[in-house]
Amino acid sequence: MRFRAEQHLRRQRDIKAVRELGRRFECGGFTLWYRRRPPEESPPTTAHPAIPPDLRRVCVIASTAAVGCAVERARAKRRLREVFRHHQSVVPPGYDLLLIARRSLNGLEYREIERKFIEVCPRIAPRPA
């Protein structure tokens, strides 16, 4: 699957909402924050068209303090984006994610990162009663 431009979580207020109102899972090499996006939260404007309600969006963060130099940060972000791109179908529709890299991420095998992402995503959506 492609990682389309509209799937990038870019606006600071959206990222902040996931951080402040969302929940998280610690996954070893990274932390996954998630939040269901309310449909009325993002009204369409000229600069920002309406967000489809079933769209899965993600923001990947790798700070210097948490990951290291620019090369290490770029590698960590690239790996997390690739995991999301390949396995976005396991993320419930209508959710925003923050994937925050940790220093240990670059020491993990890619398959281990994939496994952790795939294991945690089904736990995001509330269980039907």
N, C-alpha and C. Protein backbone atom coordinates (compact mmCIF):
# COMPACT_ATOMS: atom_id res chain seq x y z
N MET A 1 0.83 -1.18 0.00
CA MET A 1 0.00 0.00 0.00
C MET A 1 0.87 1.25 0.00
N ARG A 2 0.34 2.30 -0.52
CA ARG A 2 1.05 3.57 -0.54
C ARG A 2 0.85 4.32 0.76
N PHE A 3 1.79 5.20 1.04
CA PHE A 3 1.69 6.12 2.18
C PHE A 3 1.41 7.48 1.57
N ARG A 4 0.13 7.82 1.46
CA ARG A 4 -0.30 9.03 0.75
C ARG A 4 -0.08 10.28 1.59
N ALA A 5 -0.01 11.41 0.94
CA ALA A 5 0.25 12.69 1.60
C ALA A 5 -0.81 13.00 2.65
N GLU A 6 -2.06 12.68 2.39
CA GLU A 6 -3.12 12.99 3.36
C GLU A 6 -3.06 12.10 4.61
N GLN A 7 -2.22 11.07 4.58
CA GLN A 7 -2.06 10.21 5.74
C GLN A 7 -1.02 10.75 6.72
N HIS A 8 -0.28 11.78 6.34
CA HIS A 8 0.70 12.39 7.22
C HIS A 8 -0.03 13.29 8.22
N LEU A 9 0.18 13.06 9.48
CA LEU A 9 -0.39 13.90 10.52
C LEU A 9 0.59 15.05 10.71
N ARG A 10 0.22 16.25 10.25
CA ARG A 10 1.18 17.35 10.20
C ARG A 10 0.85 18.51 11.12
N ARG A 11 -0.42 18.83 11.26
CA ARG A 11 -0.78 20.01 12.05
C ARG A 11 -0.45 19.81 13.52
N GLN A 12 0.19 20.82 14.09
CA GLN A 12 0.63 20.75 15.48
C GLN A 12 -0.54 20.50 16.43
N ARG A 13 -1.69 21.09 16.16
CA ARG A 13 -2.83 20.89 17.05
C ARG A 13 -3.33 19.45 17.01
N ASP A 14 -3.24 18.79 15.84
CA ASP A 14 -3.64 17.39 15.74
C ASP A 14 -2.67 16.48 16.50
N ILE A 15 -1.38 16.77 16.37
CA ILE A 15 -0.36 15.99 17.07
C ILE A 15 -0.52 16.17 18.58
N LYS A 16 -0.73 17.40 18.99
CA LYS A 16 -0.91 17.70 20.41
C LYS A 16 -2.16 17.00 20.97
N ALA A 17 -3.22 16.94 20.18
CA ALA A 17 -4.45 16.28 20.62
C ALA A 17 -4.21 14.78 20.85
N VAL A 18 -3.44 14.15 19.98
CA VAL A 18 -3.14 12.73 20.16
C VAL A 18 -2.34 12.54 21.44
N ARG A 19 -1.37 13.42 21.68
CA ARG A 19 -0.50 13.33 22.85
C ARG A 19 -1.27 13.58 24.15
N GLU A 20 -2.18 14.57 24.14
CA GLU A 20 -2.87 14.95 25.37
C GLU A 20 -4.16 14.16 25.63
N LEU A 21 -4.86 13.80 24.57
CA LEU A 21 -6.15 13.13 24.74
C LEU A 21 -6.12 11.65 24.39
N GLY A 22 -5.01 11.21 23.80
CA GLY A 22 -4.91 9.83 23.36
C GLY A 22 -4.37 8.90 24.44
N ARG A 23 -4.14 7.68 24.04
CA ARG A 23 -3.58 6.66 24.92
C ARG A 23 -2.33 6.12 24.25
N ARG A 24 -1.56 5.33 24.99
CA ARG A 24 -0.31 4.85 24.42
C ARG A 24 -0.01 3.41 24.77
N PHE A 25 0.86 2.84 23.96
CA PHE A 25 1.42 1.51 24.20
C PHE A 25 2.93 1.63 24.08
N GLU A 26 3.65 1.06 25.03
CA GLU A 26 5.10 0.99 24.95
C GLU A 26 5.44 -0.29 24.18
N CYS A 27 6.22 -0.13 23.12
CA CYS A 27 6.52 -1.27 22.26
C CYS A 27 8.03 -1.55 22.19
N GLY A 28 8.75 -1.24 23.23
CA GLY A 28 10.19 -1.49 23.24
C GLY A 28 10.95 -0.40 22.52
N GLY A 29 11.18 -0.55 21.24
CA GLY A 29 11.95 0.41 20.45
C GLY A 29 11.18 1.66 20.08
N PHE A 30 9.88 1.65 20.31
CA PHE A 30 9.07 2.84 19.99
C PHE A 30 7.84 2.87 20.88
N THR A 31 7.25 4.05 20.95
CA THR A 31 5.99 4.23 21.67
C THR A 31 4.92 4.57 20.66
N LEU A 32 3.77 3.95 20.77
CA LEU A 32 2.66 4.21 19.87
C LEU A 32 1.57 4.93 20.65
N TRP A 33 1.30 6.16 20.29
CA TRP A 33 0.17 6.93 20.84
C TRP A 33 -0.95 6.85 19.82
N TYR A 34 -2.19 6.77 20.28
CA TYR A 34 -3.32 6.70 19.35
C TYR A 34 -4.51 7.47 19.90
N ARG A 35 -5.33 7.90 18.97
CA ARG A 35 -6.57 8.60 19.33
C ARG A 35 -7.57 8.47 18.18
N ARG A 36 -8.80 8.15 18.53
CA ARG A 36 -9.86 8.14 17.52
C ARG A 36 -10.18 9.58 17.19
N ARG A 37 -10.25 9.88 15.92
CA ARG A 37 -10.50 11.25 15.45
C ARG A 37 -12.00 11.51 15.40
N PRO A 38 -12.48 12.49 16.21
CA PRO A 38 -13.90 12.83 16.14
C PRO A 38 -14.22 13.42 14.77
N PRO A 39 -15.35 13.07 14.16
CA PRO A 39 -15.64 13.56 12.80
C PRO A 39 -15.80 15.07 12.72
N GLU A 40 -16.28 15.70 13.77
CA GLU A 40 -16.52 17.14 13.72
C GLU A 40 -15.27 17.96 14.05
N GLU A 41 -14.17 17.30 14.40
CA GLU A 41 -12.97 18.01 14.85
C GLU A 41 -12.29 18.80 13.74
N SER A 42 -12.26 18.30 12.54
CA SER A 42 -11.53 18.95 11.47
C SER A 42 -12.47 19.43 10.37
N PRO A 43 -13.10 20.58 10.57
CA PRO A 43 -13.99 21.08 9.53
C PRO A 43 -13.19 21.47 8.29
N PRO A 44 -13.73 21.26 7.11
CA PRO A 44 -12.98 21.58 5.90
C PRO A 44 -12.77 23.08 5.74
N THR A 45 -11.59 23.43 5.27
CA THR A 45 -11.27 24.82 4.93
C THR A 45 -10.64 24.81 3.55
N THR A 46 -10.35 25.97 3.03
CA THR A 46 -9.71 26.05 1.72
C THR A 46 -8.32 25.43 1.78
N ALA A 47 -7.59 25.72 2.84
CA ALA A 47 -6.22 25.20 2.98
C ALA A 47 -6.20 23.73 3.35
N HIS A 48 -7.20 23.27 4.13
CA HIS A 48 -7.25 21.89 4.59
C HIS A 48 -8.61 21.29 4.25
N PRO A 49 -8.67 20.49 3.18
CA PRO A 49 -9.95 19.87 2.82
C PRO A 49 -10.40 18.88 3.89
N ALA A 50 -11.64 18.45 3.79
CA ALA A 50 -12.21 17.52 4.77
C ALA A 50 -11.41 16.23 4.82
N ILE A 51 -11.26 15.68 6.02
CA ILE A 51 -10.54 14.43 6.21
C ILE A 51 -11.55 13.30 6.17
N PRO A 52 -11.37 12.32 5.27
CA PRO A 52 -12.30 11.20 5.24
C PRO A 52 -12.34 10.50 6.61
N PRO A 53 -13.51 10.11 7.08
CA PRO A 53 -13.63 9.55 8.43
C PRO A 53 -12.89 8.23 8.61
N ASP A 54 -12.65 7.49 7.53
CA ASP A 54 -11.97 6.19 7.68
C ASP A 54 -10.47 6.27 7.43
N LEU A 55 -9.93 7.46 7.25
CA LEU A 55 -8.51 7.63 6.96
C LEU A 55 -7.66 7.38 8.21
N ARG A 56 -6.58 6.63 8.04
CA ARG A 56 -5.62 6.39 9.11
C ARG A 56 -4.46 7.36 8.89
N ARG A 57 -4.13 8.15 9.92
CA ARG A 57 -3.04 9.12 9.78
C ARG A 57 -1.95 8.82 10.80
N VAL A 58 -0.71 9.20 10.45
CA VAL A 58 0.41 8.92 11.33
C VAL A 58 1.42 10.06 11.31
N CYS A 59 2.07 10.26 12.44
CA CYS A 59 3.20 11.18 12.57
C CYS A 59 4.33 10.38 13.19
N VAL A 60 5.51 10.43 12.59
CA VAL A 60 6.67 9.72 13.11
C VAL A 60 7.63 10.74 13.70
N ILE A 61 8.03 10.51 14.95
CA ILE A 61 8.89 11.44 15.67
C ILE A 61 10.15 10.71 16.14
N ALA A 62 11.29 11.33 15.88
CA ALA A 62 12.57 10.79 16.36
C ALA A 62 13.41 11.99 16.79
N SER A 63 13.52 12.22 18.08
CA SER A 63 14.26 13.38 18.57
C SER A 63 15.74 13.05 18.75
N THR A 64 16.54 14.10 18.76
CA THR A 64 17.98 13.93 18.96
C THR A 64 18.25 13.33 20.34
N ALA A 65 17.55 13.80 21.36
CA ALA A 65 17.75 13.30 22.71
C ALA A 65 17.39 11.82 22.84
N ALA A 66 16.33 11.40 22.17
CA ALA A 66 15.86 10.02 22.31
C ALA A 66 16.57 9.05 21.38
N VAL A 67 16.96 9.49 20.18
CA VAL A 67 17.50 8.57 19.18
C VAL A 67 18.97 8.81 18.89
N GLY A 68 19.36 10.06 18.69
CA GLY A 68 20.77 10.33 18.39
C GLY A 68 20.94 11.28 17.23
N CYS A 69 22.02 11.10 16.52
CA CYS A 69 22.39 12.02 15.43
C CYS A 69 21.40 11.92 14.25
N ALA A 70 21.59 12.78 13.29
CA ALA A 70 20.66 12.88 12.15
C ALA A 70 20.55 11.57 11.38
N VAL A 71 21.64 10.88 11.20
CA VAL A 71 21.61 9.61 10.47
C VAL A 71 20.76 8.58 11.20
N GLU A 72 20.93 8.50 12.51
CA GLU A 72 20.15 7.55 13.31
C GLU A 72 18.67 7.93 13.35
N ARG A 73 18.38 9.22 13.45
CA ARG A 73 16.98 9.68 13.43
C ARG A 73 16.32 9.37 12.10
N ALA A 74 17.02 9.64 11.01
CA ALA A 74 16.46 9.38 9.68
C ALA A 74 16.18 7.89 9.49
N ARG A 75 17.10 7.05 9.95
CA ARG A 75 16.90 5.60 9.82
C ARG A 75 15.70 5.14 10.65
N ALA A 76 15.59 5.64 11.87
CA ALA A 76 14.47 5.25 12.73
C ALA A 76 13.14 5.68 12.12
N LYS A 77 13.06 6.91 11.62
CA LYS A 77 11.82 7.40 11.01
C LYS A 77 11.48 6.61 9.75
N ARG A 78 12.48 6.32 8.96
CA ARG A 78 12.26 5.56 7.72
C ARG A 78 11.70 4.17 8.04
N ARG A 79 12.25 3.52 9.06
CA ARG A 79 11.79 2.18 9.44
C ARG A 79 10.35 2.22 9.96
N LEU A 80 10.03 3.20 10.79
CA LEU A 80 8.66 3.29 11.32
C LEU A 80 7.65 3.63 10.23
N ARG A 81 8.01 4.53 9.32
CA ARG A 81 7.10 4.85 8.20
C ARG A 81 6.86 3.62 7.34
N GLU A 82 7.90 2.84 7.11
CA GLU A 82 7.77 1.64 6.28
C GLU A 82 6.88 0.60 6.95
N VAL A 83 7.00 0.42 8.25
CA VAL A 83 6.13 -0.51 8.97
C VAL A 83 4.68 -0.05 8.85
N PHE A 84 4.44 1.24 9.04
CA PHE A 84 3.07 1.76 8.90
C PHE A 84 2.56 1.55 7.48
N ARG A 85 3.39 1.86 6.50
CA ARG A 85 2.97 1.73 5.10
C ARG A 85 2.56 0.29 4.77
N HIS A 86 3.35 -0.67 5.21
CA HIS A 86 3.06 -2.07 4.90
C HIS A 86 1.87 -2.62 5.69
N HIS A 87 1.66 -2.11 6.89
CA HIS A 87 0.66 -2.72 7.78
C HIS A 87 -0.42 -1.74 8.22
N GLN A 88 -0.69 -0.72 7.43
CA GLN A 88 -1.72 0.25 7.80
C GLN A 88 -3.10 -0.36 7.86
N SER A 89 -3.30 -1.48 7.21
CA SER A 89 -4.62 -2.13 7.23
C SER A 89 -4.97 -2.69 8.60
N VAL A 90 -3.98 -2.92 9.49
CA VAL A 90 -4.29 -3.43 10.82
C VAL A 90 -4.64 -2.29 11.79
N VAL A 91 -4.42 -1.05 11.38
CA VAL A 91 -4.81 0.10 12.20
C VAL A 91 -6.30 0.33 11.97
N PRO A 92 -7.08 0.45 13.03
CA PRO A 92 -8.52 0.70 12.84
C PRO A 92 -8.77 2.00 12.09
N PRO A 93 -9.75 2.05 11.20
CA PRO A 93 -10.05 3.28 10.44
C PRO A 93 -10.45 4.42 11.37
N GLY A 94 -10.06 5.63 10.99
CA GLY A 94 -10.44 6.82 11.74
C GLY A 94 -9.55 7.14 12.92
N TYR A 95 -8.39 6.53 13.00
CA TYR A 95 -7.47 6.77 14.11
C TYR A 95 -6.25 7.56 13.64
N ASP A 96 -5.74 8.39 14.54
CA ASP A 96 -4.48 9.10 14.35
C ASP A 96 -3.44 8.44 15.24
N LEU A 97 -2.24 8.24 14.70
CA LEU A 97 -1.16 7.60 15.45
C LEU A 97 0.05 8.52 15.54
N LEU A 98 0.76 8.42 16.65
CA LEU A 98 2.10 8.99 16.78
C LEU A 98 3.02 7.81 17.04
N LEU A 99 4.05 7.68 16.23
CA LEU A 99 5.07 6.66 16.45
C LEU A 99 6.32 7.39 16.89
N ILE A 100 6.71 7.20 18.14
CA ILE A 100 7.85 7.91 18.70
C ILE A 100 9.00 6.94 18.88
N ALA A 101 10.08 7.18 18.14
CA ALA A 101 11.24 6.29 18.15
C ALA A 101 12.04 6.44 19.43
N ARG A 102 12.63 5.34 19.86
CA ARG A 102 13.56 5.30 20.99
C ARG A 102 14.93 4.86 20.46
N ARG A 103 15.95 5.08 21.25
CA ARG A 103 17.31 4.76 20.83
C ARG A 103 17.45 3.29 20.45
N SER A 104 16.77 2.41 21.14
CA SER A 104 16.90 0.97 20.89
C SER A 104 16.26 0.52 19.58
N LEU A 105 15.48 1.38 18.93
CA LEU A 105 14.80 0.99 17.69
C LEU A 105 15.77 0.55 16.61
N ASN A 106 16.84 1.30 16.42
CA ASN A 106 17.79 0.98 15.36
C ASN A 106 18.59 -0.28 15.65
N GLY A 107 18.56 -0.76 16.88
CA GLY A 107 19.22 -2.01 17.22
C GLY A 107 18.34 -3.23 17.00
N LEU A 108 17.06 -3.00 16.74
CA LEU A 108 16.12 -4.11 16.52
C LEU A 108 16.11 -4.53 15.06
N GLU A 109 15.83 -5.79 14.84
CA GLU A 109 15.61 -6.28 13.47
C GLU A 109 14.29 -5.71 12.96
N TYR A 110 14.21 -5.49 11.65
CA TYR A 110 12.99 -4.93 11.07
C TYR A 110 11.78 -5.82 11.37
N ARG A 111 11.96 -7.13 11.31
CA ARG A 111 10.84 -8.06 11.56
C ARG A 111 10.33 -7.94 13.01
N GLU A 112 11.20 -7.62 13.94
CA GLU A 112 10.80 -7.44 15.33
C GLU A 112 9.94 -6.17 15.47
N ILE A 113 10.33 -5.10 14.78
CA ILE A 113 9.54 -3.87 14.79
C ILE A 113 8.17 -4.12 14.19
N GLU A 114 8.16 -4.84 13.06
CA GLU A 114 6.89 -5.21 12.41
C GLU A 114 5.99 -6.01 13.36
N ARG A 115 6.58 -6.99 14.00
CA ARG A 115 5.82 -7.87 14.90
C ARG A 115 5.18 -7.06 16.03
N LYS A 116 5.95 -6.16 16.63
CA LYS A 116 5.42 -5.35 17.73
C LYS A 116 4.29 -4.45 17.25
N PHE A 117 4.44 -3.85 16.08
CA PHE A 117 3.39 -2.98 15.53
C PHE A 117 2.12 -3.78 15.25
N ILE A 118 2.27 -4.92 14.62
CA ILE A 118 1.13 -5.76 14.28
C ILE A 118 0.42 -6.28 15.54
N GLU A 119 1.17 -6.59 16.59
CA GLU A 119 0.58 -7.08 17.83
C GLU A 119 -0.25 -6.01 18.55
N VAL A 120 0.23 -4.76 18.52
CA VAL A 120 -0.42 -3.72 19.31
C VAL A 120 -1.62 -3.08 18.59
N CYS A 121 -1.63 -3.03 17.29
CA CYS A 121 -2.70 -2.34 16.55
C CYS A 121 -4.09 -2.90 16.79
N PRO A 122 -4.30 -4.20 16.85
CA PRO A 122 -5.66 -4.68 17.14
C PRO A 122 -6.16 -4.30 18.52
N ARG A 123 -5.27 -3.93 19.43
CA ARG A 123 -5.66 -3.55 20.79
C ARG A 123 -6.10 -2.09 20.87
N ILE A 124 -5.96 -1.36 19.78
CA ILE A 124 -6.31 0.07 19.76
C ILE A 124 -7.82 0.29 19.83
N ALA A 125 -8.54 -0.36 18.96
CA ALA A 125 -9.99 -0.15 18.84
C ALA A 125 -10.71 -0.76 20.03
N PRO A 126 -11.76 -0.07 20.53
CA PRO A 126 -12.53 -0.65 21.63
C PRO A 126 -13.25 -1.91 21.17
N ARG A 127 -13.35 -2.84 22.08
CA ARG A 127 -14.00 -4.10 21.75
C ARG A 127 -15.52 -3.92 21.69
N PRO A 128 -16.18 -4.52 20.69
CA PRO A 128 -17.64 -4.41 20.63
C PRO A 128 -18.28 -5.13 21.82
N ALA A 129 -19.34 -4.54 22.33
CA ALA A 129 -20.03 -5.12 23.51
C ALA A 129 -20.94 -6.25 23.12
